[in-house]
Amino acid sequence: MVRGDMTDANVRKFFDPLGVVVVEAKRKDVNGQCTKKDGDCRGKEIRDSRYNDMKTSMYLLGNAFRINQQKAPDNLPTVKAAKAFFKEMDAVEKSVNGKKPKKSDPVSVGHYAAALDILDQYLDLVELPPTESGHYDREFDTLVGETSRIM
């Protein structure tokens, strides 16, 4: 991303709305018998992008760090930081998912750098290690029920 290549496969996969299976498909039969008229009991998987997953998680985590229930979620500093991050990253997403992503895009790199600064503020507010700590350099397991600890 720092190179500014919006055509890079990893960058495009992060923003691809069909890139990640959120909920796997399950058969929808009852006791081994398909009860649908068309005979198709295959379920459909739900897909989304890593970026949309990150947006949802950041908003929910930011909303969880509240002192009292009187404040509206949008007035919380954590949610404000998350929304500022989304604003910068949405500009990057537009350039990646646009009709012709650029091989070199300094404007998107500027938005990305600003988003990283905001992300560090957000991580501090939700009591997580900063981006340069090295905790986020390896792949995490995103399956429910797997370990969620940062080790």
C-alpha atoms as a PDB file:
ATOM      1  CA  MET A   1       0.000   0.000   0.000  1.00  0.00           C
ATOM      2  CA  VAL A   2       2.835   2.379   0.804  1.00  0.00           C
ATOM      3  CA  ARG A   3       4.146   1.906  -2.754  1.00  0.00           C
ATOM      4  CA  GLY A   4       0.878   3.410  -3.997  1.00  0.00           C
ATOM      5  CA  ASP A   5      -0.028   0.455  -6.222  1.00  0.00           C
ATOM      6  CA  MET A   6      -3.831   0.234  -6.100  1.00  0.00           C
ATOM      7  CA  THR A   7      -3.737  -2.782  -8.433  1.00  0.00           C
ATOM      8  CA  ASP A   8      -1.833  -4.971  -5.926  1.00  0.00           C
ATOM      9  CA  ALA A   9      -3.681  -8.233  -5.217  1.00  0.00           C
ATOM     10  CA  ASN A  10      -3.479  -7.902  -1.414  1.00  0.00           C
ATOM     11  CA  VAL A  11      -4.862  -4.366  -1.486  1.00  0.00           C
ATOM     12  CA  ARG A  12      -7.705  -5.340  -3.818  1.00  0.00           C
ATOM     13  CA  LYS A  13      -8.540  -8.416  -1.708  1.00  0.00           C
ATOM     14  CA  PHE A  14      -8.810  -6.272   1.449  1.00  0.00           C
ATOM     15  CA  PHE A  15     -11.536  -4.154  -0.181  1.00  0.00           C
ATOM     16  CA  ASP A  16     -13.180  -6.911  -2.286  1.00  0.00           C
ATOM     17  CA  PRO A  17     -16.834  -7.328  -1.149  1.00  0.00           C
ATOM     18  CA  LEU A  18     -16.735 -10.982  -2.207  1.00  0.00           C
ATOM     19  CA  GLY A  19     -13.269 -11.667  -0.805  1.00  0.00           C
ATOM     20  CA  VAL A  20     -14.032 -13.357   2.509  1.00  0.00           C
ATOM     21  CA  VAL A  21     -16.615 -15.909   3.565  1.00  0.00           C
ATOM     22  CA  VAL A  22     -18.246 -14.492   6.688  1.00  0.00           C
ATOM     23  CA  VAL A  23     -20.782 -17.294   7.160  1.00  0.00           C
ATOM     24  CA  GLU A  24     -20.249 -20.649   5.490  1.00  0.00           C
ATOM     25  CA  ALA A  25     -23.074 -22.276   3.543  1.00  0.00           C
ATOM     26  CA  LYS A  26     -24.997 -24.968   5.400  1.00  0.00           C
ATOM     27  CA  ARG A  27     -27.474 -27.513   4.155  1.00  0.00           C
ATOM     28  CA  LYS A  28     -31.044 -26.662   5.057  1.00  0.00           C
ATOM     29  CA  ASP A  29     -32.662 -30.063   5.143  1.00  0.00           C
ATOM     30  CA  VAL A  30     -34.757 -31.522   7.943  1.00  0.00           C
ATOM     31  CA  ASN A  31     -33.681 -34.982   9.177  1.00  0.00           C
ATOM     32  CA  GLY A  32     -31.926 -35.639   5.892  1.00  0.00           C
ATOM     33  CA  GLN A  33     -34.996 -34.751   3.790  1.00  0.00           C
ATOM     34  CA  CYS A  34     -35.138 -31.649   1.643  1.00  0.00           C
ATOM     35  CA  THR A  35     -38.408 -29.832   2.316  1.00  0.00           C
ATOM     36  CA  LYS A  36     -38.118 -27.147  -0.357  1.00  0.00           C
ATOM     37  CA  LYS A  37     -40.304 -27.305  -3.463  1.00  0.00           C
ATOM     38  CA  ASP A  38     -37.411 -26.827  -5.855  1.00  0.00           C
ATOM     39  CA  GLY A  39     -35.383 -29.568  -4.139  1.00  0.00           C
ATOM     40  CA  ASP A  40     -32.387 -27.289  -3.618  1.00  0.00           C
ATOM     41  CA  CYS A  41     -31.456 -27.403   0.066  1.00  0.00           C
ATOM     42  CA  ARG A  42     -28.011 -25.918  -0.314  1.00  0.00           C
ATOM     43  CA  GLY A  43     -27.559 -22.824   1.804  1.00  0.00           C
ATOM     44  CA  LYS A  44     -25.862 -19.698   0.584  1.00  0.00           C
ATOM     45  CA  GLU A  45     -22.662 -18.377   2.039  1.00  0.00           C
ATOM     46  CA  ILE A  46     -22.412 -14.773   3.116  1.00  0.00           C
ATOM     47  CA  ARG A  47     -19.367 -12.911   1.805  1.00  0.00           C
ATOM     48  CA  ASP A  48     -17.950  -9.500   2.616  1.00  0.00           C
ATOM     49  CA  SER A  49     -14.672  -7.603   2.530  1.00  0.00           C
ATOM     50  CA  ARG A  50     -12.105  -7.483   5.303  1.00  0.00           C
ATOM     51  CA  TYR A  51     -12.524  -3.722   5.279  1.00  0.00           C
ATOM     52  CA  ASN A  52     -16.283  -3.886   5.977  1.00  0.00           C
ATOM     53  CA  ASP A  53     -15.605  -6.444   8.706  1.00  0.00           C
ATOM     54  CA  MET A  54     -13.021  -4.086  10.198  1.00  0.00           C
ATOM     55  CA  LYS A  55     -15.446  -1.148  10.057  1.00  0.00           C
ATOM     56  CA  THR A  56     -18.128  -3.076  11.923  1.00  0.00           C
ATOM     57  CA  SER A  57     -15.693  -4.367  14.533  1.00  0.00           C
ATOM     58  CA  MET A  58     -14.142  -0.953  15.130  1.00  0.00           C
ATOM     59  CA  TYR A  59     -17.533   0.712  15.593  1.00  0.00           C
ATOM     60  CA  LEU A  60     -18.765  -1.956  18.001  1.00  0.00           C
ATOM     61  CA  LEU A  61     -15.516  -1.981  19.995  1.00  0.00           C
ATOM     62  CA  GLY A  62     -15.480   1.814  20.147  1.00  0.00           C
ATOM     63  CA  ASN A  63     -19.073   1.823  21.363  1.00  0.00           C
ATOM     64  CA  ALA A  64     -18.181  -0.678  24.097  1.00  0.00           C
ATOM     65  CA  PHE A  65     -15.694   1.769  25.657  1.00  0.00           C
ATOM     66  CA  ARG A  66     -18.247   4.095  27.200  1.00  0.00           C
ATOM     67  CA  ILE A  67     -18.351   5.558  30.670  1.00  0.00           C
ATOM     68  CA  ASN A  68     -22.116   6.012  30.869  1.00  0.00           C
ATOM     69  CA  GLN A  69     -25.159   5.219  28.757  1.00  0.00           C
ATOM     70  CA  GLN A  70     -26.267   8.875  28.541  1.00  0.00           C
ATOM     71  CA  LYS A  71     -23.885   9.785  25.723  1.00  0.00           C
ATOM     72  CA  ALA A  72     -24.923   8.969  22.166  1.00  0.00           C
ATOM     73  CA  PRO A  73     -22.483   6.554  20.478  1.00  0.00           C
ATOM     74  CA  ASP A  74     -21.496   9.138  17.856  1.00  0.00           C
ATOM     75  CA  ASN A  75     -20.266  11.503  20.599  1.00  0.00           C
ATOM     76  CA  LEU A  76     -17.795   9.001  22.065  1.00  0.00           C
ATOM     77  CA  PRO A  77     -14.112   9.757  21.321  1.00  0.00           C
ATOM     78  CA  THR A  78     -13.544   6.149  20.243  1.00  0.00           C
ATOM     79  CA  VAL A  79     -16.408   6.229  17.736  1.00  0.00           C
ATOM     80  CA  LYS A  80     -15.289   9.657  16.474  1.00  0.00           C
ATOM     81  CA  ALA A  81     -11.791   8.262  15.872  1.00  0.00           C
ATOM     82  CA  ALA A  82     -13.241   5.210  14.114  1.00  0.00           C
ATOM     83  CA  LYS A  83     -15.390   7.401  11.843  1.00  0.00           C
ATOM     84  CA  ALA A  84     -12.406   9.612  10.995  1.00  0.00           C
ATOM     85  CA  PHE A  85     -10.477   6.446  10.074  1.00  0.00           C
ATOM     86  CA  PHE A  86     -13.384   5.257   7.893  1.00  0.00           C
ATOM     87  CA  LYS A  87     -13.490   8.604   6.092  1.00  0.00           C
ATOM     88  CA  GLU A  88      -9.829   8.333   5.083  1.00  0.00           C
ATOM     89  CA  MET A  89     -10.048   4.646   4.187  1.00  0.00           C
ATOM     90  CA  ASP A  90     -13.245   5.138   2.163  1.00  0.00           C
ATOM     91  CA  ALA A  91     -11.235   7.445  -0.110  1.00  0.00           C
ATOM     92  CA  VAL A  92      -8.653   4.663  -0.528  1.00  0.00           C
ATOM     93  CA  GLU A  93     -11.427   2.128  -1.188  1.00  0.00           C
ATOM     94  CA  LYS A  94     -12.863   4.323  -3.960  1.00  0.00           C
ATOM     95  CA  SER A  95      -9.527   4.412  -5.750  1.00  0.00           C
ATOM     96  CA  VAL A  96      -9.024   0.640  -5.369  1.00  0.00           C
ATOM     97  CA  ASN A  97     -12.540  -0.360  -6.437  1.00  0.00           C
ATOM     98  CA  GLY A  98     -12.815   2.335  -9.107  1.00  0.00           C
ATOM     99  CA  LYS A  99     -13.090   1.562 -12.801  1.00  0.00           C
ATOM    100  CA  LYS A 100      -9.361   1.983 -13.394  1.00  0.00           C
ATOM    101  CA  PRO A 101      -7.189   1.625 -10.283  1.00  0.00           C
ATOM    102  CA  LYS A 102      -3.880   3.431 -10.678  1.00  0.00           C
ATOM    103  CA  LYS A 103      -0.491   1.758 -10.551  1.00  0.00           C
ATOM    104  CA  SER A 104       0.842   4.827  -8.736  1.00  0.00           C
ATOM    105  CA  ASP A 105      -1.570   6.911  -6.647  1.00  0.00           C
ATOM    106  CA  PRO A 106       0.075   9.393  -4.235  1.00  0.00           C
ATOM    107  CA  VAL A 107      -3.308  10.835  -3.162  1.00  0.00           C
ATOM    108  CA  SER A 108      -4.486   7.438  -1.899  1.00  0.00           C
ATOM    109  CA  VAL A 109      -1.164   6.901  -0.137  1.00  0.00           C
ATOM    110  CA  GLY A 110      -1.742  10.224   1.650  1.00  0.00           C
ATOM    111  CA  HIS A 111      -5.201   9.079   2.757  1.00  0.00           C
ATOM    112  CA  TYR A 112      -3.710   5.771   3.903  1.00  0.00           C
ATOM    113  CA  ALA A 113      -0.980   7.511   5.942  1.00  0.00           C
ATOM    114  CA  ALA A 114      -3.571   9.776   7.580  1.00  0.00           C
ATOM    115  CA  ALA A 115      -5.734   6.719   8.321  1.00  0.00           C
ATOM    116  CA  LEU A 116      -2.800   4.971  10.026  1.00  0.00           C
ATOM    117  CA  ASP A 117      -2.258   7.972  12.312  1.00  0.00           C
ATOM    118  CA  ILE A 118      -5.950   7.973  13.233  1.00  0.00           C
ATOM    119  CA  LEU A 119      -5.856   4.198  13.721  1.00  0.00           C
ATOM    120  CA  ASP A 120      -3.052   4.566  16.276  1.00  0.00           C
ATOM    121  CA  GLN A 121      -5.174   7.095  18.197  1.00  0.00           C
ATOM    122  CA  TYR A 122      -8.136   4.702  18.075  1.00  0.00           C
ATOM    123  CA  LEU A 123      -6.042   1.738  19.242  1.00  0.00           C
ATOM    124  CA  ASP A 124      -4.809   3.802  22.187  1.00  0.00           C
ATOM    125  CA  LEU A 125      -8.394   4.741  23.110  1.00  0.00           C
ATOM    126  CA  VAL A 126      -9.515   1.087  23.096  1.00  0.00           C
ATOM    127  CA  GLU A 127      -6.396  -0.019  24.977  1.00  0.00           C
ATOM    128  CA  LEU A 128      -4.795  -2.077  22.190  1.00  0.00           C
ATOM    129  CA  PRO A 129      -1.117  -2.019  21.137  1.00  0.00           C
ATOM    130  CA  PRO A 130      -0.143   0.530  18.433  1.00  0.00           C
ATOM    131  CA  THR A 131       0.394  -0.508  14.811  1.00  0.00           C
ATOM    132  CA  GLU A 132       4.199  -0.370  15.054  1.00  0.00           C
ATOM    133  CA  SER A 133       4.262  -2.769  18.041  1.00  0.00           C
ATOM    134  CA  GLY A 134       4.656  -5.828  15.789  1.00  0.00           C
ATOM    135  CA  HIS A 135       1.499  -7.554  17.058  1.00  0.00           C
ATOM    136  CA  TYR A 136      -0.334  -7.031  13.770  1.00  0.00           C
ATOM    137  CA  ASP A 137       2.448  -8.230  11.464  1.00  0.00           C
ATOM    138  CA  ARG A 138       1.327 -11.857  11.480  1.00  0.00           C
ATOM    139  CA  GLU A 139      -1.865 -13.506  10.287  1.00  0.00           C
ATOM    140  CA  PHE A 140      -4.695 -13.842  12.783  1.00  0.00           C
ATOM    141  CA  ASP A 141      -7.305 -16.582  12.865  1.00  0.00           C
ATOM    142  CA  THR A 142     -10.721 -15.029  12.321  1.00  0.00           C
ATOM    143  CA  LEU A 143     -12.824 -18.084  13.137  1.00  0.00           C
ATOM    144  CA  VAL A 144     -15.224 -17.797  16.047  1.00  0.00           C
ATOM    145  CA  GLY A 145     -14.098 -19.850  19.024  1.00  0.00           C
ATOM    146  CA  GLU A 146     -10.430 -19.744  18.155  1.00  0.00           C
ATOM    147  CA  THR A 147      -8.033 -17.916  20.442  1.00  0.00           C
ATOM    148  CA  SER A 148      -8.607 -14.174  20.448  1.00  0.00           C
ATOM    149  CA  ARG A 149      -5.598 -13.235  22.529  1.00  0.00           C
ATOM    150  CA  ILE A 150      -2.790 -11.128  21.133  1.00  0.00           C
ATOM    151  CA  MET A 151       0.290 -13.108  22.039  1.00  0.00           C
END
